[in-house]
Amino acid sequence: MSETIDNVLKQLGKWGEVVADKSGFYFKKAVDKGGELTKIGKVQIEIEKIKRDINHKFTDLGRYVYRSVSDSGVTDYSNDIDFQSLIEDIKTVKNDLDHKYQEKVDIRREGVSDEKVDEEEQDVPIGI
Protein backbone atom coordinates (compact mmCIF):
# COMPACT_ATOMS: atom_id res chain seq x y z
CA MET A 1 0.00 0.00 0.00
CA SER A 2 2.82 2.38 0.91
CA GLU A 3 4.48 1.71 -2.43
CA THR A 4 1.28 2.59 -4.29
CA ILE A 5 1.00 5.87 -2.41
CA ASP A 6 4.64 6.66 -3.19
CA ASN A 7 4.03 5.98 -6.90
CA VAL A 8 0.93 8.17 -6.89
CA LEU A 9 2.84 10.98 -5.14
CA LYS A 10 5.69 10.70 -7.66
CA GLN A 11 3.22 10.85 -10.57
CA LEU A 12 1.49 13.84 -8.99
CA GLY A 13 4.87 15.54 -8.56
CA LYS A 14 5.74 14.98 -12.22
CA TRP A 15 2.30 16.17 -13.28
CA GLY A 16 2.67 19.26 -11.06
CA GLU A 17 5.97 20.12 -12.75
CA VAL A 18 4.41 19.79 -16.20
CA VAL A 19 1.44 21.92 -15.14
CA ALA A 20 3.81 24.56 -13.76
CA ASP A 21 5.78 24.57 -17.02
CA LYS A 22 2.60 24.78 -19.10
CA SER A 23 1.11 27.55 -16.98
CA GLY A 24 4.35 29.53 -17.32
CA PHE A 25 4.17 29.07 -21.07
CA TYR A 26 0.58 30.27 -21.27
CA PHE A 27 1.23 33.19 -18.94
CA LYS A 28 4.14 34.30 -21.12
CA LYS A 29 1.95 33.91 -24.22
CA ALA A 30 -0.80 36.05 -22.63
CA VAL A 31 1.70 38.76 -21.69
CA ASP A 32 3.19 38.74 -25.20
CA LYS A 33 -0.26 39.00 -26.77
CA GLY A 34 -1.10 41.90 -24.46
CA GLY A 35 2.07 43.67 -25.56
CA GLU A 36 1.20 43.08 -29.20
CA LEU A 37 -2.32 44.45 -28.73
CA THR A 38 -0.90 47.50 -26.94
CA LYS A 39 1.43 48.22 -29.86
CA ILE A 40 -1.41 47.78 -32.36
CA GLY A 41 -3.63 50.07 -30.27
CA LYS A 42 -1.00 52.81 -30.25
CA VAL A 43 -0.53 52.55 -34.00
CA GLN A 44 -4.32 52.61 -34.52
CA ILE A 45 -4.56 55.84 -32.49
CA GLU A 46 -1.85 57.36 -34.68
CA ILE A 47 -3.74 56.19 -37.78
CA GLU A 48 -6.91 57.90 -36.57
CA LYS A 49 -4.98 61.12 -35.89
CA ILE A 50 -3.52 61.03 -39.40
CA LYS A 51 -6.98 60.42 -40.90
CA ARG A 52 -8.29 63.45 -39.04
CA ASP A 53 -5.33 65.49 -40.31
CA ILE A 54 -6.08 64.37 -43.88
CA ASN A 55 -9.70 65.48 -43.49
CA HIS A 56 -8.54 68.89 -42.27
CA LYS A 57 -6.18 69.21 -45.22
CA PHE A 58 -8.97 68.31 -47.66
CA THR A 59 -11.14 70.91 -45.96
CA ASP A 60 -8.38 73.51 -46.37
CA LEU A 61 -8.02 72.53 -50.04
CA GLY A 62 -11.77 72.82 -50.63
CA ARG A 63 -11.87 76.17 -48.87
CA TYR A 64 -8.96 77.40 -51.04
CA VAL A 65 -10.62 76.23 -54.26
CA TYR A 66 -13.98 77.73 -53.28
CA ARG A 67 -12.44 81.09 -52.43
CA SER A 68 -10.33 81.25 -55.58
CA VAL A 69 -13.29 80.31 -57.79
CA SER A 70 -15.78 82.61 -56.07
CA ASP A 71 -13.39 85.58 -55.73
CA SER A 72 -11.63 85.54 -59.10
CA GLY A 73 -13.19 82.72 -61.13
CA VAL A 74 -9.98 80.66 -61.29
CA THR A 75 -10.46 77.25 -62.90
CA ASP A 76 -6.87 76.34 -63.80
CA TYR A 77 -4.62 75.46 -60.87
CA SER A 78 -1.68 74.05 -62.83
CA ASN A 79 0.56 77.05 -62.04
CA ASP A 80 -0.91 77.87 -58.63
CA ILE A 81 1.84 77.39 -56.03
CA ASP A 82 -0.55 77.45 -53.06
CA PHE A 83 -2.76 74.80 -54.65
CA GLN A 84 0.24 72.57 -55.43
CA SER A 85 1.49 73.02 -51.86
CA LEU A 86 -1.85 71.87 -50.45
CA ILE A 87 -1.82 68.83 -52.77
CA GLU A 88 1.73 67.93 -51.72
CA ASP A 89 0.77 68.23 -48.04
CA ILE A 90 -2.09 65.77 -48.60
CA LYS A 91 0.19 63.35 -50.45
CA THR A 92 2.74 63.50 -47.65
CA VAL A 93 0.17 62.81 -44.96
CA LYS A 94 -1.37 59.98 -47.01
CA ASN A 95 2.11 58.48 -47.33
CA ASP A 96 2.45 58.65 -43.53
CA LEU A 97 -0.90 56.88 -43.26
CA ASP A 98 0.27 54.10 -45.56
CA HIS A 99 3.40 53.64 -43.42
CA LYS A 100 1.29 53.37 -40.26
CA TYR A 101 -0.95 50.74 -41.88
CA GLN A 102 2.17 48.81 -42.87
CA GLU A 103 3.54 49.13 -39.34
CA LYS A 104 0.30 47.64 -38.02
CA VAL A 105 0.56 44.71 -40.45
CA ASP A 106 4.20 44.15 -39.46
CA ILE A 107 3.29 44.04 -35.77
CA ARG A 108 0.60 41.44 -36.48
CA ARG A 109 3.00 39.35 -38.60
CA GLU A 110 5.60 39.51 -35.85
CA GLY A 111 3.00 38.29 -33.35
CA VAL A 112 1.97 35.41 -35.61
CA SER A 113 5.57 34.30 -36.18
CA ASP A 114 6.22 34.42 -32.42
CA GLU A 115 3.16 32.24 -31.83
CA LYS A 116 4.44 29.62 -34.29
CA VAL A 117 7.78 29.48 -32.48
CA ASP A 118 6.00 29.19 -29.12
CA GLU A 119 3.78 26.37 -30.39
CA GLU A 120 6.88 24.40 -31.42
CA GLU A 121 8.31 24.85 -27.92
CA GLN A 122 4.99 23.74 -26.43
CA ASP A 123 5.29 20.10 -27.57
CA VAL A 124 5.94 18.80 -24.05
CA PRO A 125 3.85 15.68 -23.44
CA ILE A 126 1.81 15.50 -20.25
CA GLY A 127 2.68 12.16 -18.69
CA ILE A 128 -0.26 11.37 -16.46
C-alpha atoms as a PDB file:
ATOM      1  CA  MET A   1       0.000   0.000   0.000  1.00  0.00           C
ATOM      2  CA  SER A   2       2.817   2.377   0.914  1.00  0.00           C
ATOM      3  CA  GLU A   3       4.483   1.708  -2.432  1.00  0.00           C
ATOM      4  CA  THR A   4       1.284   2.592  -4.292  1.00  0.00           C
ATOM      5  CA  ILE A   5       1.001   5.873  -2.405  1.00  0.00           C
ATOM      6  CA  ASP A   6       4.643   6.664  -3.195  1.00  0.00           C
ATOM      7  CA  ASN A   7       4.034   5.983  -6.902  1.00  0.00           C
ATOM      8  CA  VAL A   8       0.930   8.168  -6.888  1.00  0.00           C
ATOM      9  CA  LEU A   9       2.842  10.976  -5.140  1.00  0.00           C
ATOM     10  CA  LYS A  10       5.689  10.702  -7.660  1.00  0.00           C
ATOM     11  CA  GLN A  11       3.215  10.850 -10.565  1.00  0.00           C
ATOM     12  CA  LEU A  12       1.489  13.841  -8.987  1.00  0.00           C
ATOM     13  CA  GLY A  13       4.867  15.545  -8.560  1.00  0.00           C
ATOM     14  CA  LYS A  14       5.736  14.979 -12.218  1.00  0.00           C
ATOM     15  CA  TRP A  15       2.297  16.166 -13.282  1.00  0.00           C
ATOM     16  CA  GLY A  16       2.666  19.258 -11.062  1.00  0.00           C
ATOM     17  CA  GLU A  17       5.970  20.120 -12.754  1.00  0.00           C
ATOM     18  CA  VAL A  18       4.407  19.789 -16.197  1.00  0.00           C
ATOM     19  CA  VAL A  19       1.440  21.918 -15.140  1.00  0.00           C
ATOM     20  CA  ALA A  20       3.811  24.556 -13.762  1.00  0.00           C
ATOM     21  CA  ASP A  21       5.784  24.566 -17.016  1.00  0.00           C
ATOM     22  CA  LYS A  22       2.601  24.784 -19.102  1.00  0.00           C
ATOM     23  CA  SER A  23       1.112  27.555 -16.977  1.00  0.00           C
ATOM     24  CA  GLY A  24       4.351  29.526 -17.315  1.00  0.00           C
ATOM     25  CA  PHE A  25       4.174  29.072 -21.072  1.00  0.00           C
ATOM     26  CA  TYR A  26       0.576  30.269 -21.269  1.00  0.00           C
ATOM     27  CA  PHE A  27       1.227  33.193 -18.938  1.00  0.00           C
ATOM     28  CA  LYS A  28       4.138  34.301 -21.122  1.00  0.00           C
ATOM     29  CA  LYS A  29       1.948  33.908 -24.217  1.00  0.00           C
ATOM     30  CA  ALA A  30      -0.796  36.051 -22.633  1.00  0.00           C
ATOM     31  CA  VAL A  31       1.704  38.761 -21.686  1.00  0.00           C
ATOM     32  CA  ASP A  32       3.192  38.738 -25.197  1.00  0.00           C
ATOM     33  CA  LYS A  33      -0.264  38.996 -26.775  1.00  0.00           C
ATOM     34  CA  GLY A  34      -1.099  41.899 -24.461  1.00  0.00           C
ATOM     35  CA  GLY A  35       2.071  43.667 -25.565  1.00  0.00           C
ATOM     36  CA  GLU A  36       1.202  43.081 -29.201  1.00  0.00           C
ATOM     37  CA  LEU A  37      -2.318  44.451 -28.728  1.00  0.00           C
ATOM     38  CA  THR A  38      -0.901  47.496 -26.938  1.00  0.00           C
ATOM     39  CA  LYS A  39       1.433  48.222 -29.858  1.00  0.00           C
ATOM     40  CA  ILE A  40      -1.410  47.782 -32.356  1.00  0.00           C
ATOM     41  CA  GLY A  41      -3.627  50.072 -30.273  1.00  0.00           C
ATOM     42  CA  LYS A  42      -0.997  52.811 -30.250  1.00  0.00           C
ATOM     43  CA  VAL A  43      -0.528  52.553 -34.002  1.00  0.00           C
ATOM     44  CA  GLN A  44      -4.319  52.613 -34.516  1.00  0.00           C
ATOM     45  CA  ILE A  45      -4.556  55.839 -32.487  1.00  0.00           C
ATOM     46  CA  GLU A  46      -1.846  57.361 -34.677  1.00  0.00           C
ATOM     47  CA  ILE A  47      -3.744  56.191 -37.776  1.00  0.00           C
ATOM     48  CA  GLU A  48      -6.913  57.901 -36.570  1.00  0.00           C
ATOM     49  CA  LYS A  49      -4.980  61.122 -35.891  1.00  0.00           C
ATOM     50  CA  ILE A  50      -3.523  61.029 -39.398  1.00  0.00           C
ATOM     51  CA  LYS A  51      -6.984  60.415 -40.902  1.00  0.00           C
ATOM     52  CA  ARG A  52      -8.289  63.451 -39.042  1.00  0.00           C
ATOM     53  CA  ASP A  53      -5.331  65.486 -40.307  1.00  0.00           C
ATOM     54  CA  ILE A  54      -6.080  64.374 -43.879  1.00  0.00           C
ATOM     55  CA  ASN A  55      -9.700  65.479 -43.492  1.00  0.00           C
ATOM     56  CA  HIS A  56      -8.538  68.893 -42.267  1.00  0.00           C
ATOM     57  CA  LYS A  57      -6.177  69.209 -45.220  1.00  0.00           C
ATOM     58  CA  PHE A  58      -8.968  68.312 -47.657  1.00  0.00           C
ATOM     59  CA  THR A  59     -11.143  70.914 -45.956  1.00  0.00           C
ATOM     60  CA  ASP A  60      -8.378  73.507 -46.373  1.00  0.00           C
ATOM     61  CA  LEU A  61      -8.016  72.527 -50.043  1.00  0.00           C
ATOM     62  CA  GLY A  62     -11.765  72.815 -50.626  1.00  0.00           C
ATOM     63  CA  ARG A  63     -11.865  76.172 -48.870  1.00  0.00           C
ATOM     64  CA  TYR A  64      -8.959  77.396 -51.035  1.00  0.00           C
ATOM     65  CA  VAL A  65     -10.618  76.226 -54.263  1.00  0.00           C
ATOM     66  CA  TYR A  66     -13.982  77.726 -53.277  1.00  0.00           C
ATOM     67  CA  ARG A  67     -12.442  81.088 -52.428  1.00  0.00           C
ATOM     68  CA  SER A  68     -10.334  81.255 -55.581  1.00  0.00           C
ATOM     69  CA  VAL A  69     -13.286  80.307 -57.790  1.00  0.00           C
ATOM     70  CA  SER A  70     -15.777  82.614 -56.072  1.00  0.00           C
ATOM     71  CA  ASP A  71     -13.390  85.579 -55.733  1.00  0.00           C
ATOM     72  CA  SER A  72     -11.631  85.540 -59.097  1.00  0.00           C
ATOM     73  CA  GLY A  73     -13.193  82.718 -61.131  1.00  0.00           C
ATOM     74  CA  VAL A  74      -9.985  80.662 -61.290  1.00  0.00           C
ATOM     75  CA  THR A  75     -10.463  77.248 -62.901  1.00  0.00           C
ATOM     76  CA  ASP A  76      -6.873  76.344 -63.796  1.00  0.00           C
ATOM     77  CA  TYR A  77      -4.624  75.460 -60.869  1.00  0.00           C
ATOM     78  CA  SER A  78      -1.679  74.050 -62.828  1.00  0.00           C
ATOM     79  CA  ASN A  79       0.556  77.054 -62.043  1.00  0.00           C
ATOM     80  CA  ASP A  80      -0.908  77.873 -58.631  1.00  0.00           C
ATOM     81  CA  ILE A  81       1.844  77.393 -56.026  1.00  0.00           C
ATOM     82  CA  ASP A  82      -0.549  77.449 -53.055  1.00  0.00           C
ATOM     83  CA  PHE A  83      -2.764  74.803 -54.653  1.00  0.00           C
ATOM     84  CA  GLN A  84       0.237  72.572 -55.426  1.00  0.00           C
ATOM     85  CA  SER A  85       1.489  73.016 -51.860  1.00  0.00           C
ATOM     86  CA  LEU A  86      -1.846  71.871 -50.446  1.00  0.00           C
ATOM     87  CA  ILE A  87      -1.825  68.834 -52.767  1.00  0.00           C
ATOM     88  CA  GLU A  88       1.729  67.933 -51.723  1.00  0.00           C
ATOM     89  CA  ASP A  89       0.766  68.233 -48.039  1.00  0.00           C
ATOM     90  CA  ILE A  90      -2.086  65.772 -48.599  1.00  0.00           C
ATOM     91  CA  LYS A  91       0.190  63.350 -50.453  1.00  0.00           C
ATOM     92  CA  THR A  92       2.742  63.500 -47.646  1.00  0.00           C
ATOM     93  CA  VAL A  93       0.165  62.813 -44.955  1.00  0.00           C
ATOM     94  CA  LYS A  94      -1.369  59.980 -47.006  1.00  0.00           C
ATOM     95  CA  ASN A  95       2.111  58.484 -47.334  1.00  0.00           C
ATOM     96  CA  ASP A  96       2.454  58.653 -43.530  1.00  0.00           C
ATOM     97  CA  LEU A  97      -0.900  56.881 -43.256  1.00  0.00           C
ATOM     98  CA  ASP A  98       0.274  54.103 -45.561  1.00  0.00           C
ATOM     99  CA  HIS A  99       3.396  53.644 -43.418  1.00  0.00           C
ATOM    100  CA  LYS A 100       1.286  53.369 -40.261  1.00  0.00           C
ATOM    101  CA  TYR A 101      -0.952  50.738 -41.881  1.00  0.00           C
ATOM    102  CA  GLN A 102       2.166  48.807 -42.873  1.00  0.00           C
ATOM    103  CA  GLU A 103       3.541  49.128 -39.338  1.00  0.00           C
ATOM    104  CA  LYS A 104       0.297  47.642 -38.015  1.00  0.00           C
ATOM    105  CA  VAL A 105       0.564  44.714 -40.453  1.00  0.00           C
ATOM    106  CA  ASP A 106       4.204  44.149 -39.460  1.00  0.00           C
ATOM    107  CA  ILE A 107       3.291  44.038 -35.765  1.00  0.00           C
ATOM    108  CA  ARG A 108       0.596  41.445 -36.482  1.00  0.00           C
ATOM    109  CA  ARG A 109       2.999  39.354 -38.602  1.00  0.00           C
ATOM    110  CA  GLU A 110       5.597  39.509 -35.846  1.00  0.00           C
ATOM    111  CA  GLY A 111       3.003  38.288 -33.345  1.00  0.00           C
ATOM    112  CA  VAL A 112       1.972  35.411 -35.608  1.00  0.00           C
ATOM    113  CA  SER A 113       5.572  34.300 -36.178  1.00  0.00           C
ATOM    114  CA  ASP A 114       6.225  34.423 -32.419  1.00  0.00           C
ATOM    115  CA  GLU A 115       3.156  32.235 -31.829  1.00  0.00           C
ATOM    116  CA  LYS A 116       4.441  29.625 -34.293  1.00  0.00           C
ATOM    117  CA  VAL A 117       7.775  29.482 -32.476  1.00  0.00           C
ATOM    118  CA  ASP A 118       5.996  29.194 -29.116  1.00  0.00           C
ATOM    119  CA  GLU A 119       3.784  26.369 -30.395  1.00  0.00           C
ATOM    120  CA  GLU A 120       6.882  24.403 -31.419  1.00  0.00           C
ATOM    121  CA  GLU A 121       8.311  24.853 -27.920  1.00  0.00           C
ATOM    122  CA  GLN A 122       4.993  23.738 -26.427  1.00  0.00           C
ATOM    123  CA  ASP A 123       5.289  20.101 -27.571  1.00  0.00           C
ATOM    124  CA  VAL A 124       5.940  18.799 -24.050  1.00  0.00           C
ATOM    125  CA  PRO A 125       3.851  15.680 -23.435  1.00  0.00           C
ATOM    126  CA  ILE A 126       1.813  15.502 -20.254  1.00  0.00           C
ATOM    127  CA  GLY A 127       2.676  12.160 -18.695  1.00  0.00           C
ATOM    128  CA  ILE A 128      -0.259  11.369 -16.464  1.00  0.00           C
END
